[in-house]
Amino acid sequence: YADGGLLEVSGEGYTPEGVFSRDGKLLDVAAE
């Protein structure tokens, strides 16, 4: 929960691989 909304994170376990998205749209972390 950031910037007033829920975000989703993909990936499983402890592998540091995944993407951030909001409502199915990919996000650039630097722009958030």
PDB file of all heavy atoms in Angstrom:
ATOM      1  N   TYR A   1       0.866  -1.178   0.000  1.00  0.00           N
ATOM      2  CA  TYR A   1       0.000   0.000   0.000  1.00  0.00           C
ATOM      3  C   TYR A   1       0.904   1.231   0.000  1.00  0.00           C
ATOM      4  O   TYR A   1       1.649   1.477   0.956  1.00  0.00           O
ATOM      5  CB  TYR A   1      -0.906   0.014   1.233  1.00  0.00           C
ATOM      6  CG  TYR A   1      -1.899   1.157   1.220  1.00  0.00           C
ATOM      7  CD1 TYR A   1      -3.114   1.053   0.547  1.00  0.00           C
ATOM      8  CD2 TYR A   1      -1.614   2.351   1.885  1.00  0.00           C
ATOM      9  CE1 TYR A   1      -4.021   2.105   0.535  1.00  0.00           C
ATOM     10  CE2 TYR A   1      -2.504   3.407   1.878  1.00  0.00           C
ATOM     11  CZ  TYR A   1      -3.711   3.279   1.202  1.00  0.00           C
ATOM     12  OH  TYR A   1      -4.605   4.329   1.183  1.00  0.00           O
ATOM     13  N   ALA A   2       0.861   1.988  -1.080  1.00  0.00           N
ATOM     14  CA  ALA A   2       1.697   3.188  -1.198  1.00  0.00           C
ATOM     15  C   ALA A   2       0.987   4.202  -2.098  1.00  0.00           C
ATOM     16  O   ALA A   2       0.236   3.835  -3.007  1.00  0.00           O
ATOM     17  CB  ALA A   2       3.062   2.820  -1.779  1.00  0.00           C
ATOM     18  N   ASP A   3       1.236   5.472  -1.828  1.00  0.00           N
ATOM     19  CA  ASP A   3       0.632   6.556  -2.623  1.00  0.00           C
ATOM     20  C   ASP A   3      -0.883   6.433  -2.689  1.00  0.00           C
ATOM     21  O   ASP A   3      -1.512   6.696  -3.723  1.00  0.00           O
ATOM     22  CB  ASP A   3       1.216   6.576  -4.049  1.00  0.00           C
ATOM     23  CG  ASP A   3       2.683   6.992  -4.054  1.00  0.00           C
ATOM     24  OD1 ASP A   3       3.046   7.849  -3.225  1.00  0.00           O
ATOM     25  OD2 ASP A   3       3.449   6.447  -4.870  1.00  0.00           O
ATOM     26  N   GLY A   4      -1.485   5.993  -1.579  1.00  0.00           N
ATOM     27  CA  GLY A   4      -2.939   5.945  -1.496  1.00  0.00           C
ATOM     28  C   GLY A   4      -3.595   4.811  -2.243  1.00  0.00           C
ATOM     29  O   GLY A   4      -4.805   4.834  -2.464  1.00  0.00           O
ATOM     30  N   GLY A   5      -2.828   3.803  -2.657  1.00  0.00           N
ATOM     31  CA  GLY A   5      -3.440   2.696  -3.389  1.00  0.00           C
ATOM     32  C   GLY A   5      -2.681   1.386  -3.205  1.00  0.00           C
ATOM     33  O   GLY A   5      -1.535   1.371  -2.733  1.00  0.00           O
ATOM     34  N   LEU A   6      -3.346   0.284  -3.565  1.00  0.00           N
ATOM     35  CA  LEU A   6      -2.741  -1.046  -3.470  1.00  0.00           C
ATOM     36  C   LEU A   6      -1.937  -1.358  -4.730  1.00  0.00           C
ATOM     37  O   LEU A   6      -2.358  -1.046  -5.847  1.00  0.00           O
ATOM     38  CB  LEU A   6      -3.826  -2.116  -3.290  1.00  0.00           C
ATOM     39  CG  LEU A   6      -4.430  -2.249  -1.890  1.00  0.00           C
ATOM     40  CD1 LEU A   6      -5.596  -3.230  -1.916  1.00  0.00           C
ATOM     41  CD2 LEU A   6      -3.372  -2.721  -0.887  1.00  0.00           C
ATOM     42  N   LEU A   7      -0.784  -1.991  -4.528  1.00  0.00           N
ATOM     43  CA  LEU A   7       0.075  -2.419  -5.621  1.00  0.00           C
ATOM     44  C   LEU A   7       0.294  -3.923  -5.514  1.00  0.00           C
ATOM     45  O   LEU A   7       0.254  -4.484  -4.420  1.00  0.00           O
ATOM     46  CB  LEU A   7       1.435  -1.710  -5.571  1.00  0.00           C
ATOM     47  CG  LEU A   7       1.418  -0.184  -5.358  1.00  0.00           C
ATOM     48  CD1 LEU A   7       2.831   0.321  -5.162  1.00  0.00           C
ATOM     49  CD2 LEU A   7       0.782   0.494  -6.554  1.00  0.00           C
ATOM     50  N   GLU A   8       0.500  -4.578  -6.652  1.00  0.00           N
ATOM     51  CA  GLU A   8       0.781  -6.021  -6.659  1.00  0.00           C
ATOM     52  C   GLU A   8       2.251  -6.247  -6.985  1.00  0.00           C
ATOM     53  O   GLU A   8       2.868  -5.488  -7.731  1.00  0.00           O
ATOM     54  CB  GLU A   8      -0.082  -6.751  -7.693  1.00  0.00           C
ATOM     55  CG  GLU A   8      -1.551  -6.848  -7.331  1.00  0.00           C
ATOM     56  CD  GLU A   8      -2.307  -5.567  -7.613  1.00  0.00           C
ATOM     57  OE1 GLU A   8      -1.963  -4.912  -8.617  1.00  0.00           O
ATOM     58  OE2 GLU A   8      -3.225  -5.215  -6.834  1.00  0.00           O
ATOM     59  N   VAL A   9       2.797  -7.336  -6.408  1.00  0.00           N
ATOM     60  CA  VAL A   9       4.186  -7.731  -6.663  1.00  0.00           C
ATOM     61  C   VAL A   9       4.189  -9.182  -7.111  1.00  0.00           C
ATOM     62  O   VAL A   9       3.590 -10.044  -6.452  1.00  0.00           O
ATOM     63  CB  VAL A   9       5.066  -7.584  -5.398  1.00  0.00           C
ATOM     64  CG1 VAL A   9       6.532  -7.813  -5.763  1.00  0.00           C
ATOM     65  CG2 VAL A   9       4.879  -6.226  -4.766  1.00  0.00           C
ATOM     66  N   SER A  10       4.861  -9.473  -8.215  1.00  0.00           N
ATOM     67  CA  SER A  10       4.947 -10.861  -8.695  1.00  0.00           C
ATOM     68  C   SER A  10       6.199 -11.535  -8.133  1.00  0.00           C
ATOM     69  O   SER A  10       7.055 -10.883  -7.534  1.00  0.00           O
ATOM     70  CB  SER A  10       4.976 -10.901 -10.225  1.00  0.00           C
ATOM     71  OG  SER A  10       6.147 -10.272 -10.706  1.00  0.00           O
ATOM     72  N   GLY A  11       6.311 -12.833  -8.340  1.00  0.00           N
ATOM     73  CA  GLY A  11       7.464 -13.591  -7.853  1.00  0.00           C
ATOM     74  C   GLY A  11       7.100 -14.424  -6.643  1.00  0.00           C
ATOM     75  O   GLY A  11       6.140 -14.120  -5.918  1.00  0.00           O
ATOM     76  N   GLU A  12       7.862 -15.486  -6.423  1.00  0.00           N
ATOM     77  CA  GLU A  12       7.612 -16.388  -5.308  1.00  0.00           C
ATOM     78  C   GLU A  12       8.898 -16.635  -4.531  1.00  0.00           C
ATOM     79  O   GLU A  12      10.002 -16.533  -5.075  1.00  0.00           O
ATOM     80  CB  GLU A  12       7.053 -17.726  -5.804  1.00  0.00           C
ATOM     81  CG  GLU A  12       5.682 -17.630  -6.456  1.00  0.00           C
ATOM     82  CD  GLU A  12       5.176 -18.987  -6.901  1.00  0.00           C
ATOM     83  OE1 GLU A  12       5.931 -19.973  -6.781  1.00  0.00           O
ATOM     84  OE2 GLU A  12       4.029 -19.058  -7.378  1.00  0.00           O
ATOM     85  N   GLY A  13       8.734 -17.002  -3.259  1.00  0.00           N
ATOM     86  CA  GLY A  13       9.879 -17.371  -2.434  1.00  0.00           C
ATOM     87  C   GLY A  13      10.838 -16.222  -2.225  1.00  0.00           C
ATOM     88  O   GLY A  13      10.460 -15.048  -2.245  1.00  0.00           O
ATOM     89  N   TYR A  14      12.123 -16.563  -2.052  1.00  0.00           N
ATOM     90  CA  TYR A  14      13.137 -15.561  -1.757  1.00  0.00           C
ATOM     91  C   TYR A  14      13.941 -15.146  -2.986  1.00  0.00           C
ATOM     92  O   TYR A  14      14.928 -14.432  -2.874  1.00  0.00           O
ATOM     93  CB  TYR A  14      14.093 -16.096  -0.678  1.00  0.00           C
ATOM     94  CG  TYR A  14      13.433 -16.244   0.681  1.00  0.00           C
ATOM     95  CD1 TYR A  14      13.740 -17.318   1.516  1.00  0.00           C
ATOM     96  CD2 TYR A  14      12.508 -15.315   1.129  1.00  0.00           C
ATOM     97  CE1 TYR A  14      13.145 -17.451   2.757  1.00  0.00           C
ATOM     98  CE2 TYR A  14      11.901 -15.437   2.363  1.00  0.00           C
ATOM     99  CZ  TYR A  14      12.220 -16.515   3.183  1.00  0.00           C
ATOM    100  OH  TYR A  14      11.623 -16.645   4.414  1.00  0.00           O
ATOM    101  N   THR A  15      13.539 -15.607  -4.157  1.00  0.00           N
ATOM    102  CA  THR A  15      14.230 -15.191  -5.381  1.00  0.00           C
ATOM    103  C   THR A  15      13.894 -13.732  -5.687  1.00  0.00           C
ATOM    104  O   THR A  15      12.718 -13.387  -5.820  1.00  0.00           O
ATOM    105  CB  THR A  15      13.806 -16.069  -6.571  1.00  0.00           C
ATOM    106  OG1 THR A  15      14.048 -17.435  -6.249  1.00  0.00           O
ATOM    107  CG2 THR A  15      14.569 -15.688  -7.820  1.00  0.00           C
ATOM    108  N   PRO A  16      14.895 -12.853  -5.785  1.00  0.00           N
ATOM    109  CA  PRO A  16      14.630 -11.412  -5.973  1.00  0.00           C
ATOM    110  C   PRO A  16      14.273 -11.071  -7.416  1.00  0.00           C
ATOM    111  O   PRO A  16      14.938 -10.254  -8.057  1.00  0.00           O
ATOM    112  CB  PRO A  16      15.941 -10.764  -5.540  1.00  0.00           C
ATOM    113  CG  PRO A  16      16.977 -11.785  -5.844  1.00  0.00           C
ATOM    114  CD  PRO A  16      16.336 -13.123  -5.616  1.00  0.00           C
ATOM    115  N   GLU A  17      13.252 -11.701  -7.934  1.00  0.00           N
ATOM    116  CA  GLU A  17      12.798 -11.451  -9.298  1.00  0.00           C
ATOM    117  C   GLU A  17      11.289 -11.230  -9.288  1.00  0.00           C
ATOM    118  O   GLU A  17      10.549 -12.038  -8.725  1.00  0.00           O
ATOM    119  CB  GLU A  17      13.154 -12.626 -10.213  1.00  0.00           C
ATOM    120  CG  GLU A  17      14.654 -12.867 -10.356  1.00  0.00           C
ATOM    121  CD  GLU A  17      14.947 -14.107 -11.180  1.00  0.00           C
ATOM    122  OE1 GLU A  17      13.970 -14.767 -11.603  1.00  0.00           O
ATOM    123  OE2 GLU A  17      16.132 -14.414 -11.383  1.00  0.00           O
ATOM    124  N   GLY A  18      10.837 -10.145  -9.893  1.00  0.00           N
ATOM    125  CA  GLY A  18       9.414  -9.843  -9.934  1.00  0.00           C
ATOM    126  C   GLY A  18       9.185  -8.430 -10.412  1.00  0.00           C
ATOM    127  O   GLY A  18      10.115  -7.627 -10.533  1.00  0.00           O
ATOM    128  N   VAL A  19       7.928  -8.110 -10.694  1.00  0.00           N
ATOM    129  CA  VAL A  19       7.581  -6.773 -11.172  1.00  0.00           C
ATOM    130  C   VAL A  19       6.462  -6.190 -10.306  1.00  0.00           C
ATOM    131  O   VAL A  19       5.710  -6.922  -9.659  1.00  0.00           O
ATOM    132  CB  VAL A  19       7.128  -6.808 -12.648  1.00  0.00           C
ATOM    133  CG1 VAL A  19       8.282  -7.239 -13.542  1.00  0.00           C
ATOM    134  CG2 VAL A  19       5.944  -7.745 -12.826  1.00  0.00           C
ATOM    135  N   PHE A  20       6.383  -4.849 -10.308  1.00  0.00           N
ATOM    136  CA  PHE A  20       5.357  -4.133  -9.550  1.00  0.00           C
ATOM    137  C   PHE A  20       4.287  -3.653 -10.534  1.00  0.00           C
ATOM    138  O   PHE A  20       4.606  -3.175 -11.634  1.00  0.00           O
ATOM    139  CB  PHE A  20       5.972  -2.945  -8.817  1.00  0.00           C
ATOM    140  CG  PHE A  20       7.019  -3.341  -7.806  1.00  0.00           C
ATOM    141  CD1 PHE A  20       8.322  -3.610  -8.191  1.00  0.00           C
ATOM    142  CD2 PHE A  20       6.686  -3.451  -6.468  1.00  0.00           C
ATOM    143  CE1 PHE A  20       9.280  -3.971  -7.262  1.00  0.00           C
ATOM    144  CE2 PHE A  20       7.638  -3.809  -5.529  1.00  0.00           C
ATOM    145  CZ  PHE A  20       8.935  -4.075  -5.924  1.00  0.00           C
ATOM    146  N   SER A  21       3.035  -3.773 -10.120  1.00  0.00           N
ATOM    147  CA  SER A  21       1.947  -3.362 -11.014  1.00  0.00           C
ATOM    148  C   SER A  21       0.782  -2.794 -10.214  1.00  0.00           C
ATOM    149  O   SER A  21       0.634  -3.074  -9.020  1.00  0.00           O
ATOM    150  CB  SER A  21       1.478  -4.547 -11.861  1.00  0.00           C
ATOM    151  OG  SER A  21       0.976  -5.582 -11.033  1.00  0.00           O
ATOM    152  N   ARG A  22      -0.024  -1.965 -10.914  1.00  0.00           N
ATOM    153  CA  ARG A  22      -1.255  -1.433 -10.324  1.00  0.00           C
ATOM    154  C   ARG A  22      -2.361  -1.622 -11.353  1.00  0.00           C
ATOM    155  O   ARG A  22      -2.245  -1.141 -12.482  1.00  0.00           O
ATOM    156  CB  ARG A  22      -1.113   0.038  -9.962  1.00  0.00           C
ATOM    157  CG  ARG A  22      -2.399   0.635  -9.350  1.00  0.00           C
ATOM    158  CD  ARG A  22      -2.337   2.132  -9.174  1.00  0.00           C
ATOM    159  NE  ARG A  22      -1.416   2.519  -8.122  1.00  0.00           N
ATOM    160  CZ  ARG A  22      -0.361   3.292  -8.285  1.00  0.00           C
ATOM    161  NH1 ARG A  22      -0.082   3.757  -9.504  1.00  0.00           N
ATOM    162  NH2 ARG A  22       0.425   3.613  -7.268  1.00  0.00           N
ATOM    163  N   ASP A  23      -3.384  -2.369 -10.970  1.00  0.00           N
ATOM    164  CA  ASP A  23      -4.506  -2.667 -11.875  1.00  0.00           C
ATOM    165  C   ASP A  23      -4.023  -3.304 -13.182  1.00  0.00           C
ATOM    166  O   ASP A  23      -4.510  -2.989 -14.272  1.00  0.00           O
ATOM    167  CB  ASP A  23      -5.305  -1.391 -12.184  1.00  0.00           C
ATOM    168  CG  ASP A  23      -5.922  -0.794 -10.932  1.00  0.00           C
ATOM    169  OD1 ASP A  23      -6.269  -1.576 -10.026  1.00  0.00           O
ATOM    170  OD2 ASP A  23      -6.024   0.449 -10.860  1.00  0.00           O
ATOM    171  N   GLY A  24      -3.013  -4.156 -13.068  1.00  0.00           N
ATOM    172  CA  GLY A  24      -2.514  -4.866 -14.242  1.00  0.00           C
ATOM    173  C   GLY A  24      -1.495  -4.113 -15.062  1.00  0.00           C
ATOM    174  O   GLY A  24      -0.956  -4.645 -16.032  1.00  0.00           O
ATOM    175  N   LYS A  25      -1.200  -2.851 -14.712  1.00  0.00           N
ATOM    176  CA  LYS A  25      -0.240  -2.048 -15.461  1.00  0.00           C
ATOM    177  C   LYS A  25       1.089  -2.014 -14.716  1.00  0.00           C
ATOM    178  O   LYS A  25       1.132  -1.732 -13.525  1.00  0.00           O
ATOM    179  CB  LYS A  25      -0.771  -0.620 -15.646  1.00  0.00           C
ATOM    180  CG  LYS A  25      -2.047  -0.547 -16.473  1.00  0.00           C
ATOM    181  CD  LYS A  25      -2.517   0.891 -16.615  1.00  0.00           C
ATOM    182  CE  LYS A  25      -3.813   0.964 -17.438  1.00  0.00           C
ATOM    183  NZ  LYS A  25      -4.295   2.366 -17.550  1.00  0.00           N
ATOM    184  N   LEU A  26       2.201  -2.280 -15.446  1.00  0.00           N
ATOM    185  CA  LEU A  26       3.530  -2.303 -14.836  1.00  0.00           C
ATOM    186  C   LEU A  26       3.931  -0.906 -14.379  1.00  0.00           C
ATOM    187  O   LEU A  26       3.605   0.102 -15.034  1.00  0.00           O
ATOM    188  CB  LEU A  26       4.564  -2.839 -15.832  1.00  0.00           C
ATOM    189  CG  LEU A  26       4.373  -4.295 -16.298  1.00  0.00           C
ATOM    190  CD1 LEU A  26       5.507  -4.705 -17.225  1.00  0.00           C
ATOM    191  CD2 LEU A  26       4.292  -5.230 -15.101  1.00  0.00           C
ATOM    192  N   LEU A  27       4.638  -0.858 -13.245  1.00  0.00           N
ATOM    193  CA  LEU A  27       5.062   0.415 -12.670  1.00  0.00           C
ATOM    194  C   LEU A  27       6.574   0.547 -12.708  1.00  0.00           C
ATOM    195  O   LEU A  27       7.309  -0.436 -12.570  1.00  0.00           O
ATOM    196  CB  LEU A  27       4.586   0.524 -11.212  1.00  0.00           C
ATOM    197  CG  LEU A  27       3.081   0.542 -10.972  1.00  0.00           C
ATOM    198  CD1 LEU A  27       2.808   0.584  -9.474  1.00  0.00           C
ATOM    199  CD2 LEU A  27       2.437   1.745 -11.656  1.00  0.00           C
ATOM    200  N   ASP A  28       7.043   1.787 -12.854  1.00  0.00           N
ATOM    201  CA  ASP A  28       8.460   2.107 -12.719  1.00  0.00           C
ATOM    202  C   ASP A  28       8.654   2.638 -11.305  1.00  0.00           C
ATOM    203  O   ASP A  28       8.124   3.694 -10.942  1.00  0.00           O
ATOM    204  CB  ASP A  28       8.858   3.156 -13.756  1.00  0.00           C
ATOM    205  CG  ASP A  28      10.333   3.534 -13.643  1.00  0.00           C
ATOM    206  OD1 ASP A  28      11.056   2.866 -12.868  1.00  0.00           O
ATOM    207  OD2 ASP A  28      10.764   4.469 -14.330  1.00  0.00           O
ATOM    208  N   VAL A  29       9.416   1.880 -10.494  1.00  0.00           N
ATOM    209  CA  VAL A  29       9.581   2.237  -9.085  1.00  0.00           C
ATOM    210  C   VAL A  29      10.162   3.642  -8.942  1.00  0.00           C
ATOM    211  O   VAL A  29       9.772   4.405  -8.047  1.00  0.00           O
ATOM    212  CB  VAL A  29      10.481   1.203  -8.374  1.00  0.00           C
ATOM    213  CG1 VAL A  29      10.752   1.622  -6.928  1.00  0.00           C
ATOM    214  CG2 VAL A  29       9.836  -0.180  -8.402  1.00  0.00           C
ATOM    215  N   ALA A  30      11.103   4.019  -9.809  1.00  0.00           N
ATOM    216  CA  ALA A  30      11.742   5.338  -9.723  1.00  0.00           C
ATOM    217  C   ALA A  30      10.734   6.463  -9.914  1.00  0.00           C
ATOM    218  O   ALA A  30      10.917   7.567  -9.393  1.00  0.00           O
ATOM    219  CB  ALA A  30      12.850   5.438 -10.772  1.00  0.00           C
ATOM    220  N   ALA A  31       9.644   6.173 -10.638  1.00  0.00           N
ATOM    221  CA  ALA A  31       8.623   7.202 -10.894  1.00  0.00           C
ATOM    222  C   ALA A  31       7.541   7.201  -9.833  1.00  0.00           C
ATOM    223  O   ALA A  31       6.572   7.967  -9.935  1.00  0.00           O
ATOM    224  CB  ALA A  31       8.003   6.973 -12.275  1.00  0.00           C
ATOM    225  N   GLU A  32       7.670   6.367  -8.821  1.00  0.00           N
ATOM    226  CA  GLU A  32       6.689   6.284  -7.737  1.00  0.00           C
ATOM    227  C   GLU A  32       7.389   6.607  -6.416  1.00  0.00           C
ATOM    228  O   GLU A  32       7.935   5.720  -5.748  1.00  0.00           O
ATOM    229  CB  GLU A  32       6.085   4.875  -7.682  1.00  0.00           C
ATOM    230  CG  GLU A  32       5.408   4.405  -8.957  1.00  0.00           C
ATOM    231  CD  GLU A  32       4.041   5.049  -9.133  1.00  0.00           C
ATOM    232  OE1 GLU A  32       3.458   5.498  -8.136  1.00  0.00           O
ATOM    233  OE2 GLU A  32       3.563   5.107 -10.289  1.00  0.00           O
TER     234      GLU A  32
END
